[in-house]
Amino acid sequence: LIHVQKLLFKNGFPTISINYRLASKTTGITYKDQLTDIGLAVQKMNDLIAKTQLKPNNYIILGESAGAHLSLLYGYKNPQHIKKIISLSAPTDFISSDFTNSFYSKYALPTIETAVGHKYERKNISEEFRIASPIANVSNVPTLIFQGNRDFLVNKKQGYALDSVLTLNNIEHR
């Protein structure tokens, strides 16, 4: 991620790196709290805009893995704040049969359940998992997707799922 930031900065795009609270069953922190953290960072940047040469709400948001999942969700749910999204190996789909029938889902579900804050039932998937899936929340924000073929944490079909939904909705992406 730092290499992408350095590349962007070298080409005239200033970057900031933010932190967010980690999802936890113990504390009850979910992806919704993490989206709030991102929103607070965007608000803080907008508040500081007078001290910079930047335009408010003109941001490229990027993340890797769980951070990419959050970047996609925040960007698609808040297109008034985000100009573009860069996704590096994002989990994007918690609802399709491609996901529920995959070995990857069995491996990833404990982490996804913690992030969403609900138990995953394959035969009766909670609406919360649709709300947490970037593929179910796309909006007209140009998106750059990077997905590895040998990623052991995020199956490559996650990137393909997002690509298909963006194509279907005629949203600019690569």
N, C-alpha and C. Protein backbone atom coordinates (compact mmCIF):
# COMPACT_ATOMS: atom_id res chain seq x y z
N LEU A 1 0.83 -1.19 0.00
CA LEU A 1 0.00 0.00 0.00
C LEU A 1 0.87 1.25 0.00
N ILE A 2 1.93 1.23 0.78
CA ILE A 2 2.82 2.39 0.84
C ILE A 2 3.45 2.66 -0.52
N HIS A 3 3.68 1.60 -1.29
CA HIS A 3 4.27 1.78 -2.63
C HIS A 3 3.28 2.51 -3.55
N VAL A 4 2.01 2.20 -3.43
CA VAL A 4 0.99 2.89 -4.23
C VAL A 4 0.93 4.36 -3.82
N GLN A 5 0.96 4.61 -2.51
CA GLN A 5 0.95 5.99 -2.04
C GLN A 5 2.15 6.77 -2.57
N LYS A 6 3.32 6.17 -2.53
CA LYS A 6 4.52 6.84 -3.03
C LYS A 6 4.40 7.12 -4.53
N LEU A 7 3.86 6.17 -5.29
CA LEU A 7 3.66 6.37 -6.72
C LEU A 7 2.69 7.51 -6.98
N LEU A 8 1.58 7.55 -6.24
CA LEU A 8 0.62 8.63 -6.40
C LEU A 8 1.25 9.98 -6.07
N PHE A 9 1.97 10.05 -4.96
CA PHE A 9 2.60 11.30 -4.53
C PHE A 9 3.63 11.77 -5.57
N LYS A 10 4.41 10.83 -6.07
CA LYS A 10 5.42 11.14 -7.09
C LYS A 10 4.79 11.74 -8.35
N ASN A 11 3.53 11.38 -8.60
CA ASN A 11 2.82 11.88 -9.78
C ASN A 11 1.85 13.01 -9.46
N GLY A 12 2.07 13.67 -8.33
CA GLY A 12 1.31 14.88 -8.01
C GLY A 12 0.00 14.66 -7.27
N PHE A 13 -0.19 13.47 -6.70
CA PHE A 13 -1.40 13.20 -5.93
C PHE A 13 -1.03 13.05 -4.46
N PRO A 14 -1.33 14.05 -3.64
CA PRO A 14 -1.03 13.91 -2.21
C PRO A 14 -1.87 12.81 -1.59
N THR A 15 -1.34 12.13 -0.60
CA THR A 15 -2.06 11.04 0.03
C THR A 15 -2.01 11.18 1.55
N ILE A 16 -2.99 10.61 2.20
CA ILE A 16 -2.95 10.46 3.65
C ILE A 16 -3.28 9.01 3.94
N SER A 17 -2.77 8.52 5.04
CA SER A 17 -3.06 7.16 5.46
C SER A 17 -3.83 7.27 6.78
N ILE A 18 -5.00 6.68 6.82
CA ILE A 18 -5.80 6.75 8.04
C ILE A 18 -5.87 5.38 8.70
N ASN A 19 -6.23 5.39 9.95
CA ASN A 19 -6.46 4.16 10.67
C ASN A 19 -7.93 4.10 11.04
N TYR A 20 -8.41 2.94 11.33
CA TYR A 20 -9.80 2.78 11.76
C TYR A 20 -9.82 1.69 12.82
N ARG A 21 -10.88 1.70 13.62
CA ARG A 21 -11.02 0.68 14.65
C ARG A 21 -11.17 -0.69 13.99
N LEU A 22 -10.60 -1.69 14.62
CA LEU A 22 -10.68 -3.05 14.09
C LEU A 22 -11.97 -3.72 14.54
N ALA A 23 -12.58 -4.48 13.62
CA ALA A 23 -13.79 -5.22 13.96
C ALA A 23 -13.46 -6.24 15.04
N SER A 24 -14.40 -6.39 15.97
CA SER A 24 -14.16 -7.29 17.10
C SER A 24 -15.47 -7.76 17.70
N LYS A 25 -15.57 -9.06 17.94
CA LYS A 25 -16.75 -9.59 18.63
C LYS A 25 -16.78 -9.08 20.07
N THR A 26 -15.61 -8.97 20.68
CA THR A 26 -15.52 -8.55 22.08
C THR A 26 -16.04 -7.13 22.28
N THR A 27 -15.63 -6.21 21.41
CA THR A 27 -16.03 -4.81 21.57
C THR A 27 -17.30 -4.47 20.80
N GLY A 28 -17.71 -5.37 19.89
CA GLY A 28 -18.91 -5.11 19.10
C GLY A 28 -18.67 -4.16 17.94
N ILE A 29 -17.42 -3.86 17.64
CA ILE A 29 -17.10 -2.98 16.52
C ILE A 29 -17.28 -3.75 15.21
N THR A 30 -18.03 -3.15 14.28
CA THR A 30 -18.28 -3.77 12.98
C THR A 30 -17.82 -2.84 11.87
N TYR A 31 -18.03 -3.28 10.65
CA TYR A 31 -17.67 -2.47 9.49
C TYR A 31 -18.39 -1.13 9.50
N LYS A 32 -19.59 -1.07 10.09
CA LYS A 32 -20.33 0.19 10.14
C LYS A 32 -19.56 1.23 10.96
N ASP A 33 -18.96 0.80 12.07
CA ASP A 33 -18.14 1.70 12.87
C ASP A 33 -16.90 2.13 12.08
N GLN A 34 -16.35 1.20 11.31
CA GLN A 34 -15.18 1.51 10.49
C GLN A 34 -15.52 2.52 9.41
N LEU A 35 -16.71 2.41 8.81
CA LEU A 35 -17.15 3.39 7.82
C LEU A 35 -17.31 4.77 8.47
N THR A 36 -17.78 4.79 9.71
CA THR A 36 -17.87 6.06 10.44
C THR A 36 -16.49 6.67 10.61
N ASP A 37 -15.50 5.83 10.93
CA ASP A 37 -14.12 6.32 11.09
C ASP A 37 -13.61 6.94 9.79
N ILE A 38 -13.90 6.31 8.68
CA ILE A 38 -13.48 6.86 7.38
C ILE A 38 -14.19 8.18 7.14
N GLY A 39 -15.47 8.23 7.42
CA GLY A 39 -16.23 9.47 7.25
C GLY A 39 -15.67 10.60 8.09
N LEU A 40 -15.23 10.29 9.32
CA LEU A 40 -14.63 11.32 10.18
C LEU A 40 -13.31 11.82 9.59
N ALA A 41 -12.54 10.92 8.98
CA ALA A 41 -11.28 11.33 8.34
C ALA A 41 -11.56 12.23 7.13
N VAL A 42 -12.57 11.90 6.34
CA VAL A 42 -12.95 12.73 5.19
C VAL A 42 -13.41 14.11 5.69
N GLN A 43 -14.21 14.10 6.73
CA GLN A 43 -14.69 15.37 7.30
C GLN A 43 -13.51 16.21 7.81
N LYS A 44 -12.55 15.58 8.47
CA LYS A 44 -11.37 16.29 8.97
C LYS A 44 -10.57 16.89 7.82
N MET A 45 -10.41 16.11 6.74
CA MET A 45 -9.70 16.63 5.56
C MET A 45 -10.44 17.83 4.98
N ASN A 46 -11.76 17.73 4.88
CA ASN A 46 -12.55 18.85 4.37
C ASN A 46 -12.40 20.08 5.27
N ASP A 47 -12.33 19.87 6.58
CA ASP A 47 -12.15 20.97 7.52
C ASP A 47 -10.78 21.65 7.35
N LEU A 48 -9.79 20.87 6.94
CA LEU A 48 -8.43 21.39 6.78
C LEU A 48 -8.16 21.94 5.37
N ILE A 49 -9.14 21.85 4.49
CA ILE A 49 -8.98 22.21 3.08
C ILE A 49 -8.48 23.64 2.89
N ALA A 50 -8.90 24.56 3.75
CA ALA A 50 -8.50 25.96 3.62
C ALA A 50 -6.99 26.12 3.73
N LYS A 51 -6.33 25.18 4.38
CA LYS A 51 -4.87 25.25 4.57
C LYS A 51 -4.11 24.54 3.45
N THR A 52 -4.83 24.00 2.48
CA THR A 52 -4.20 23.25 1.39
C THR A 52 -4.63 23.81 0.05
N GLN A 53 -4.13 23.20 -0.99
CA GLN A 53 -4.56 23.55 -2.34
C GLN A 53 -5.50 22.48 -2.90
N LEU A 54 -6.06 21.69 -2.03
CA LEU A 54 -6.96 20.61 -2.44
C LEU A 54 -8.40 21.10 -2.52
N LYS A 55 -9.21 20.34 -3.23
CA LYS A 55 -10.64 20.61 -3.32
C LYS A 55 -11.35 19.68 -2.33
N PRO A 56 -12.38 20.20 -1.64
CA PRO A 56 -13.10 19.31 -0.72
C PRO A 56 -13.87 18.23 -1.49
N ASN A 57 -14.04 17.09 -0.85
CA ASN A 57 -14.82 15.99 -1.42
C ASN A 57 -14.36 15.59 -2.82
N ASN A 58 -13.06 15.59 -3.01
CA ASN A 58 -12.47 15.27 -4.31
C ASN A 58 -11.37 14.24 -4.10
N TYR A 59 -11.72 13.14 -3.44
CA TYR A 59 -10.72 12.20 -2.97
C TYR A 59 -10.73 10.90 -3.75
N ILE A 60 -9.55 10.32 -3.87
CA ILE A 60 -9.40 8.95 -4.35
C ILE A 60 -9.17 8.14 -3.09
N ILE A 61 -10.04 7.18 -2.85
CA ILE A 61 -9.91 6.35 -1.65
C ILE A 61 -9.37 5.00 -2.09
N LEU A 62 -8.40 4.49 -1.33
CA LEU A 62 -7.84 3.18 -1.68
C LEU A 62 -7.58 2.38 -0.43
N GLY A 63 -7.61 1.08 -0.61
CA GLY A 63 -7.32 0.19 0.49
C GLY A 63 -6.94 -1.18 -0.03
N GLU A 64 -6.41 -1.97 0.89
CA GLU A 64 -6.00 -3.33 0.56
C GLU A 64 -6.74 -4.31 1.47
N SER A 65 -7.26 -5.37 0.91
CA SER A 65 -7.96 -6.43 1.62
C SER A 65 -9.15 -5.84 2.39
N ALA A 66 -9.18 -5.95 3.71
CA ALA A 66 -10.30 -5.40 4.48
C ALA A 66 -10.42 -3.89 4.26
N GLY A 67 -9.29 -3.21 4.13
CA GLY A 67 -9.30 -1.77 3.86
C GLY A 67 -9.89 -1.47 2.49
N ALA A 68 -9.68 -2.36 1.53
CA ALA A 68 -10.27 -2.19 0.19
C ALA A 68 -11.78 -2.41 0.25
N HIS A 69 -12.20 -3.40 1.02
CA HIS A 69 -13.64 -3.63 1.23
C HIS A 69 -14.28 -2.36 1.77
N LEU A 70 -13.66 -1.76 2.78
CA LEU A 70 -14.20 -0.53 3.38
C LEU A 70 -14.14 0.63 2.40
N SER A 71 -13.07 0.73 1.62
CA SER A 71 -12.95 1.80 0.63
C SER A 71 -14.07 1.71 -0.40
N LEU A 72 -14.34 0.50 -0.87
CA LEU A 72 -15.42 0.31 -1.84
C LEU A 72 -16.77 0.69 -1.23
N LEU A 73 -17.04 0.17 -0.05
CA LEU A 73 -18.33 0.47 0.58
C LEU A 73 -18.49 1.95 0.86
N TYR A 74 -17.46 2.57 1.44
CA TYR A 74 -17.56 4.00 1.75
C TYR A 74 -17.74 4.80 0.46
N GLY A 75 -16.93 4.50 -0.55
CA GLY A 75 -17.01 5.24 -1.80
C GLY A 75 -18.35 5.09 -2.49
N TYR A 76 -18.88 3.87 -2.55
CA TYR A 76 -20.15 3.64 -3.22
C TYR A 76 -21.32 4.23 -2.44
N LYS A 77 -21.22 4.24 -1.11
CA LYS A 77 -22.31 4.78 -0.29
C LYS A 77 -22.21 6.30 -0.11
N ASN A 78 -21.06 6.87 -0.45
CA ASN A 78 -20.84 8.31 -0.28
C ASN A 78 -20.21 8.92 -1.53
N PRO A 79 -20.83 8.75 -2.70
CA PRO A 79 -20.20 9.23 -3.94
C PRO A 79 -20.04 10.75 -3.97
N GLN A 80 -20.74 11.46 -3.12
CA GLN A 80 -20.58 12.92 -3.06
C GLN A 80 -19.23 13.31 -2.46
N HIS A 81 -18.55 12.39 -1.79
CA HIS A 81 -17.26 12.68 -1.17
C HIS A 81 -16.07 12.08 -1.92
N ILE A 82 -16.32 11.05 -2.72
CA ILE A 82 -15.23 10.27 -3.31
C ILE A 82 -15.26 10.37 -4.83
N LYS A 83 -14.11 10.72 -5.39
CA LYS A 83 -13.99 10.87 -6.84
C LYS A 83 -13.71 9.53 -7.53
N LYS A 84 -12.82 8.71 -6.91
CA LYS A 84 -12.45 7.42 -7.48
C LYS A 84 -12.08 6.47 -6.35
N ILE A 85 -12.12 5.17 -6.67
CA ILE A 85 -11.75 4.14 -5.71
C ILE A 85 -10.68 3.25 -6.33
N ILE A 86 -9.67 2.91 -5.52
CA ILE A 86 -8.68 1.91 -5.91
C ILE A 86 -8.79 0.77 -4.91
N SER A 87 -9.07 -0.42 -5.43
CA SER A 87 -9.29 -1.60 -4.60
C SER A 87 -8.18 -2.62 -4.85
N LEU A 88 -7.48 -2.98 -3.78
CA LEU A 88 -6.42 -3.98 -3.85
C LEU A 88 -6.89 -5.22 -3.08
N SER A 89 -7.31 -6.25 -3.79
CA SER A 89 -7.71 -7.53 -3.19
C SER A 89 -8.85 -7.40 -2.19
N ALA A 90 -9.96 -6.82 -2.62
CA ALA A 90 -11.09 -6.60 -1.72
C ALA A 90 -12.06 -7.76 -1.68
N PRO A 91 -12.54 -8.12 -0.49
CA PRO A 91 -13.73 -8.97 -0.42
C PRO A 91 -14.91 -8.12 -0.89
N THR A 92 -15.66 -8.60 -1.87
CA THR A 92 -16.71 -7.79 -2.48
C THR A 92 -18.09 -8.43 -2.43
N ASP A 93 -18.15 -9.75 -2.21
CA ASP A 93 -19.40 -10.49 -2.38
C ASP A 93 -19.60 -11.47 -1.23
N PHE A 94 -20.61 -11.22 -0.41
CA PHE A 94 -20.94 -12.13 0.69
C PHE A 94 -22.29 -12.80 0.48
N ILE A 95 -22.87 -12.65 -0.72
CA ILE A 95 -24.26 -13.07 -0.89
C ILE A 95 -24.54 -14.01 -2.06
N SER A 96 -23.72 -14.01 -3.09
CA SER A 96 -24.04 -14.82 -4.28
C SER A 96 -23.78 -16.30 -4.02
N SER A 97 -24.37 -17.13 -4.86
CA SER A 97 -24.13 -18.58 -4.74
C SER A 97 -22.67 -18.90 -5.04
N ASP A 98 -22.01 -18.12 -5.89
CA ASP A 98 -20.58 -18.32 -6.13
C ASP A 98 -19.80 -18.22 -4.83
N PHE A 99 -20.19 -17.28 -3.97
CA PHE A 99 -19.52 -17.15 -2.68
C PHE A 99 -19.95 -18.24 -1.71
N THR A 100 -21.26 -18.41 -1.54
CA THR A 100 -21.74 -19.34 -0.51
C THR A 100 -21.34 -20.79 -0.78
N ASN A 101 -21.17 -21.14 -2.06
CA ASN A 101 -20.79 -22.51 -2.41
C ASN A 101 -19.28 -22.72 -2.52
N SER A 102 -18.50 -21.71 -2.24
CA SER A 102 -17.05 -21.82 -2.43
C SER A 102 -16.34 -22.27 -1.15
N PHE A 103 -15.20 -22.91 -1.35
CA PHE A 103 -14.33 -23.25 -0.22
C PHE A 103 -13.89 -21.97 0.49
N TYR A 104 -13.67 -20.94 -0.28
CA TYR A 104 -13.24 -19.66 0.28
C TYR A 104 -14.22 -19.17 1.34
N SER A 105 -15.52 -19.35 1.11
CA SER A 105 -16.50 -18.85 2.08
C SER A 105 -16.35 -19.56 3.42
N LYS A 106 -16.09 -20.85 3.39
CA LYS A 106 -15.90 -21.59 4.64
C LYS A 106 -14.70 -21.07 5.41
N TYR A 107 -13.66 -20.72 4.68
CA TYR A 107 -12.43 -20.20 5.28
C TYR A 107 -12.61 -18.76 5.78
N ALA A 108 -13.32 -17.94 5.03
CA ALA A 108 -13.42 -16.51 5.32
C ALA A 108 -14.57 -16.13 6.25
N LEU A 109 -15.56 -17.00 6.40
CA LEU A 109 -16.76 -16.63 7.14
C LEU A 109 -16.55 -16.16 8.58
N PRO A 110 -15.69 -16.77 9.36
CA PRO A 110 -15.52 -16.25 10.73
C PRO A 110 -15.10 -14.78 10.75
N THR A 111 -14.22 -14.40 9.87
CA THR A 111 -13.78 -13.00 9.79
C THR A 111 -14.91 -12.11 9.29
N ILE A 112 -15.63 -12.58 8.28
CA ILE A 112 -16.74 -11.79 7.73
C ILE A 112 -17.85 -11.63 8.76
N GLU A 113 -18.17 -12.70 9.50
CA GLU A 113 -19.18 -12.60 10.55
C GLU A 113 -18.79 -11.55 11.60
N THR A 114 -17.53 -11.52 11.97
CA THR A 114 -17.06 -10.53 12.94
C THR A 114 -17.23 -9.13 12.38
N ALA A 115 -16.83 -8.93 11.13
CA ALA A 115 -16.92 -7.60 10.52
C ALA A 115 -18.37 -7.14 10.39
N VAL A 116 -19.26 -8.05 10.03
CA VAL A 116 -20.67 -7.68 9.82
C VAL A 116 -21.43 -7.65 11.15
N GLY A 117 -21.00 -8.47 12.09
CA GLY A 117 -21.66 -8.49 13.39
C GLY A 117 -22.88 -9.39 13.45
N HIS A 118 -22.96 -10.36 12.52
CA HIS A 118 -24.10 -11.28 12.47
C HIS A 118 -23.61 -12.68 12.11
N LYS A 119 -24.36 -13.68 12.51
CA LYS A 119 -24.09 -15.07 12.14
C LYS A 119 -24.52 -15.28 10.69
N TYR A 120 -23.71 -16.00 9.93
CA TYR A 120 -23.99 -16.28 8.52
C TYR A 120 -24.71 -17.61 8.41
N GLU A 121 -25.90 -17.59 7.86
CA GLU A 121 -26.65 -18.82 7.62
C GLU A 121 -26.83 -18.98 6.11
N ARG A 122 -26.20 -19.98 5.54
CA ARG A 122 -26.17 -20.16 4.09
C ARG A 122 -27.57 -20.26 3.46
N LYS A 123 -28.50 -20.87 4.15
CA LYS A 123 -29.83 -21.07 3.57
C LYS A 123 -30.75 -19.87 3.79
N ASN A 124 -30.36 -18.98 4.66
CA ASN A 124 -31.17 -17.80 4.94
C ASN A 124 -30.22 -16.64 5.27
N ILE A 125 -29.58 -16.10 4.24
CA ILE A 125 -28.55 -15.07 4.44
C ILE A 125 -29.21 -13.77 4.90
N SER A 126 -28.72 -13.27 6.00
CA SER A 126 -29.23 -12.03 6.57
C SER A 126 -29.03 -10.86 5.61
N GLU A 127 -29.97 -9.94 5.62
CA GLU A 127 -29.88 -8.71 4.82
C GLU A 127 -28.61 -7.94 5.15
N GLU A 128 -28.11 -8.12 6.36
CA GLU A 128 -26.89 -7.41 6.78
C GLU A 128 -25.70 -7.76 5.88
N PHE A 129 -25.66 -8.96 5.37
CA PHE A 129 -24.54 -9.36 4.50
C PHE A 129 -24.66 -8.73 3.11
N ARG A 130 -25.88 -8.49 2.65
CA ARG A 130 -26.08 -7.77 1.39
C ARG A 130 -25.64 -6.32 1.58
N ILE A 131 -26.05 -5.72 2.68
CA ILE A 131 -25.69 -4.33 2.96
C ILE A 131 -24.17 -4.17 3.07
N ALA A 132 -23.48 -5.21 3.52
CA ALA A 132 -22.03 -5.16 3.69
C ALA A 132 -21.25 -5.54 2.44
N SER A 133 -21.94 -5.98 1.38
CA SER A 133 -21.27 -6.42 0.15
C SER A 133 -21.14 -5.28 -0.85
N PRO A 134 -19.93 -4.91 -1.23
CA PRO A 134 -19.79 -3.86 -2.24
C PRO A 134 -20.56 -4.14 -3.52
N ILE A 135 -20.66 -5.41 -3.96
CA ILE A 135 -21.37 -5.70 -5.21
C ILE A 135 -22.84 -5.31 -5.15
N ALA A 136 -23.40 -5.21 -3.95
CA ALA A 136 -24.82 -4.86 -3.79
C ALA A 136 -25.01 -3.36 -3.56
N ASN A 137 -23.93 -2.61 -3.56
CA ASN A 137 -24.01 -1.19 -3.22
C ASN A 137 -23.32 -0.28 -4.22
N VAL A 138 -23.01 -0.77 -5.41
CA VAL A 138 -22.25 0.04 -6.36
C VAL A 138 -22.99 1.33 -6.69
N SER A 139 -22.20 2.36 -6.92
CA SER A 139 -22.74 3.63 -7.43
C SER A 139 -21.75 4.13 -8.48
N ASN A 140 -22.05 5.21 -9.08
CA ASN A 140 -21.28 5.67 -10.23
C ASN A 140 -19.96 6.33 -9.81
N VAL A 141 -19.09 5.55 -9.17
CA VAL A 141 -17.76 6.01 -8.79
C VAL A 141 -16.75 5.17 -9.58
N PRO A 142 -15.94 5.79 -10.44
CA PRO A 142 -14.94 5.02 -11.18
C PRO A 142 -14.06 4.20 -10.24
N THR A 143 -13.80 2.96 -10.62
CA THR A 143 -13.13 2.02 -9.73
C THR A 143 -12.00 1.30 -10.46
N LEU A 144 -10.85 1.24 -9.81
CA LEU A 144 -9.70 0.49 -10.31
C LEU A 144 -9.55 -0.73 -9.41
N ILE A 145 -9.64 -1.93 -9.99
CA ILE A 145 -9.61 -3.18 -9.23
C ILE A 145 -8.29 -3.91 -9.48
N PHE A 146 -7.61 -4.26 -8.41
CA PHE A 146 -6.46 -5.14 -8.48
C PHE A 146 -6.81 -6.40 -7.69
N GLN A 147 -6.62 -7.57 -8.29
CA GLN A 147 -6.91 -8.81 -7.60
C GLN A 147 -5.91 -9.86 -8.03
N GLY A 148 -5.22 -10.45 -7.10
CA GLY A 148 -4.21 -11.46 -7.40
C GLY A 148 -4.83 -12.80 -7.74
N ASN A 149 -4.19 -13.53 -8.62
CA ASN A 149 -4.64 -14.88 -8.99
C ASN A 149 -4.31 -15.90 -7.91
N ARG A 150 -3.32 -15.59 -7.07
CA ARG A 150 -2.89 -16.55 -6.05
C ARG A 150 -3.06 -15.98 -4.64
N ASP A 151 -4.03 -15.14 -4.47
CA ASP A 151 -4.29 -14.54 -3.17
C ASP A 151 -4.94 -15.59 -2.28
N PHE A 152 -4.28 -15.92 -1.17
CA PHE A 152 -4.81 -16.96 -0.28
C PHE A 152 -5.86 -16.42 0.68
N LEU A 153 -5.93 -15.11 0.82
CA LEU A 153 -6.89 -14.53 1.75
C LEU A 153 -8.19 -14.12 1.06
N VAL A 154 -8.09 -13.58 -0.16
CA VAL A 154 -9.28 -13.13 -0.89
C VAL A 154 -9.28 -13.81 -2.26
N ASN A 155 -10.25 -14.67 -2.48
CA ASN A 155 -10.36 -15.44 -3.72
C ASN A 155 -10.52 -14.50 -4.92
N LYS A 156 -9.88 -14.85 -6.03
CA LYS A 156 -9.93 -14.00 -7.23
C LYS A 156 -11.35 -13.80 -7.75
N LYS A 157 -12.27 -14.71 -7.44
CA LYS A 157 -13.66 -14.55 -7.89
C LYS A 157 -14.32 -13.32 -7.27
N GLN A 158 -13.78 -12.84 -6.16
CA GLN A 158 -14.31 -11.63 -5.54
C GLN A 158 -14.11 -10.43 -6.48
N GLY A 159 -12.94 -10.34 -7.07
CA GLY A 159 -12.67 -9.27 -8.04
C GLY A 159 -13.51 -9.42 -9.29
N TYR A 160 -13.68 -10.67 -9.75
CA TYR A 160 -14.51 -10.92 -10.93
C TYR A 160 -15.97 -10.54 -10.66
N ALA A 161 -16.45 -10.81 -9.45
CA ALA A 161 -17.83 -10.48 -9.10
C ALA A 161 -18.06 -8.98 -9.18
N LEU A 162 -17.12 -8.22 -8.64
CA LEU A 162 -17.25 -6.76 -8.69
C LEU A 162 -17.17 -6.27 -10.13
N ASP A 163 -16.24 -6.81 -10.90
CA ASP A 163 -16.11 -6.43 -12.31
C ASP A 163 -17.43 -6.66 -13.05
N SER A 164 -18.06 -7.80 -12.82
CA SER A 164 -19.33 -8.12 -13.50
C SER A 164 -20.43 -7.13 -13.15
N VAL A 165 -20.54 -6.79 -11.86
CA VAL A 165 -21.60 -5.87 -11.44
C VAL A 165 -21.33 -4.46 -11.97
N LEU A 166 -20.08 -4.03 -11.96
CA LEU A 166 -19.76 -2.70 -12.50
C LEU A 166 -20.03 -2.65 -14.00
N THR A 167 -19.70 -3.72 -14.71
CA THR A 167 -19.97 -3.80 -16.16
C THR A 167 -21.47 -3.74 -16.40
N LEU A 168 -22.24 -4.53 -15.67
CA LEU A 168 -23.70 -4.57 -15.80
C LEU A 168 -24.33 -3.21 -15.56
N ASN A 169 -23.75 -2.44 -14.63
CA ASN A 169 -24.29 -1.12 -14.30
C ASN A 169 -23.62 0.02 -15.07
N ASN A 170 -22.77 -0.35 -16.04
CA ASN A 170 -22.10 0.63 -16.89
C ASN A 170 -21.33 1.68 -16.08
N ILE A 171 -20.61 1.21 -15.07
CA ILE A 171 -19.80 2.07 -14.23
C ILE A 171 -18.34 1.93 -14.66
N GLU A 172 -17.70 3.06 -14.87
CA GLU A 172 -16.31 3.07 -15.34
C GLU A 172 -15.42 2.30 -14.36
N HIS A 173 -14.66 1.36 -14.89
CA HIS A 173 -13.75 0.57 -14.06
C HIS A 173 -12.72 -0.15 -14.93
N ARG A 174 -11.69 -0.57 -14.28
CA ARG A 174 -10.64 -1.40 -14.91
C ARG A 174 -10.16 -2.42 -13.92
